[in-house]
């Protein structure tokens, strides 16, 4: 990898959207205080759809190899994803 690439370790993700596109806030949790924003990525609705499909495919392959990825129930509630329980 050359020096033009930035490698980030994140464990907090925020997503917002408008009619024009999506914003992904990539952050790192810190022991005390709010998460530290590492990057903000703006993508088109078409790129968001492609990302959704590509990540879904890779997650299914990952789970076939390593087992189901389980998220804490409180996280699903916070994201409004109760139907995923």
Protein backbone atom coordinates (compact mmCIF):
# COMPACT_ATOMS: atom_id res chain seq x y z
CA UNK A 1 0.00 0.00 0.00
CA UNK A 2 1.45 3.38 -0.93
CA UNK A 3 1.45 6.52 1.20
CA UNK A 4 -1.68 7.94 -0.47
CA UNK A 5 -3.89 5.47 1.39
CA UNK A 6 -5.26 6.11 4.86
CA UNK A 7 -5.93 3.13 7.11
CA UNK A 8 -8.52 3.67 9.86
CA UNK A 9 -9.62 1.49 12.73
CA UNK A 10 -13.20 2.33 13.64
CA UNK A 11 -15.77 0.85 15.99
CA UNK A 12 -18.48 3.51 15.86
CA UNK A 13 -20.54 4.22 12.74
CA UNK A 14 -23.04 6.98 12.20
CA UNK A 15 -25.23 7.21 9.11
CA UNK A 16 -27.42 10.06 7.92
CA UNK A 17 -29.12 10.74 4.62
CA UNK A 18 -30.80 13.38 2.53
CA UNK A 19 -32.55 13.17 -0.81
CA UNK A 20 -29.12 13.76 -2.40
CA UNK A 21 -27.06 11.08 -0.67
CA UNK A 22 -25.67 9.49 2.44
CA UNK A 23 -23.07 10.53 5.00
CA UNK A 24 -21.07 7.92 6.90
CA UNK A 25 -19.35 9.12 10.08
CA UNK A 26 -16.53 6.74 10.98
CA UNK A 27 -15.37 7.11 14.56
CA UNK A 28 -13.40 5.48 17.35
CA UNK A 29 -14.83 4.91 20.82
CA UNK A 30 -12.86 6.50 23.63
CA UNK A 31 -13.09 5.49 27.31
CA UNK A 32 -14.48 8.82 28.51
CA UNK A 33 -16.30 11.21 26.25
CA UNK A 34 -17.89 11.12 22.83
CA UNK A 35 -16.48 9.02 19.98
CA UNK A 36 -13.55 10.55 18.10
CA UNK A 37 -14.57 11.23 14.48
CA UNK A 38 -11.90 9.81 12.16
CA UNK A 39 -13.55 10.39 8.78
CA UNK A 40 -16.75 11.57 7.16
CA UNK A 41 -17.59 9.93 3.84
CA UNK A 42 -20.30 11.24 1.52
CA UNK A 43 -21.73 8.82 -1.06
CA UNK A 44 -24.47 8.89 -3.67
CA UNK A 45 -27.65 6.82 -3.28
CA UNK A 46 -26.35 4.52 -6.03
CA UNK A 47 -23.06 3.99 -4.21
CA UNK A 48 -24.98 3.34 -0.96
CA UNK A 49 -27.05 0.64 -2.71
CA UNK A 50 -23.90 -0.95 -4.18
CA UNK A 51 -22.19 -0.84 -0.76
CA UNK A 52 -25.26 -2.47 0.84
CA UNK A 53 -25.22 -5.31 -1.72
CA UNK A 54 -21.45 -5.85 -1.62
CA UNK A 55 -21.25 -5.83 2.20
CA UNK A 56 -24.24 -8.19 2.39
CA UNK A 57 -22.51 -10.64 0.05
CA UNK A 58 -19.25 -10.53 1.99
CA UNK A 59 -21.02 -10.79 5.36
CA UNK A 60 -22.90 -13.92 4.19
CA UNK A 61 -19.59 -15.47 3.09
CA UNK A 62 -17.94 -14.50 6.39
CA UNK A 63 -20.79 -16.03 8.42
CA UNK A 64 -20.66 -19.26 6.40
CA UNK A 65 -16.98 -19.56 7.24
CA UNK A 66 -16.88 -18.26 10.83
CA UNK A 67 -20.44 -18.29 12.20
CA UNK A 68 -23.16 -15.72 12.70
CA UNK A 69 -22.20 -12.19 13.70
CA UNK A 70 -24.42 -11.17 16.62
CA UNK A 71 -25.06 -7.54 17.53
CA UNK A 72 -26.08 -6.41 21.02
CA UNK A 73 -29.85 -5.90 21.29
CA UNK A 74 -29.40 -2.33 22.60
CA UNK A 75 -27.48 -1.45 19.41
CA UNK A 76 -30.28 -2.78 17.20
CA UNK A 77 -32.81 -0.72 19.17
CA UNK A 78 -30.62 2.41 18.94
CA UNK A 79 -30.46 2.01 15.14
CA UNK A 80 -34.18 1.29 14.79
CA UNK A 81 -33.49 -2.26 13.60
CA UNK A 82 -35.71 -4.20 15.99
CA UNK A 83 -36.96 -6.36 13.09
CA UNK A 84 -33.45 -7.84 12.87
CA UNK A 85 -33.88 -9.54 16.28
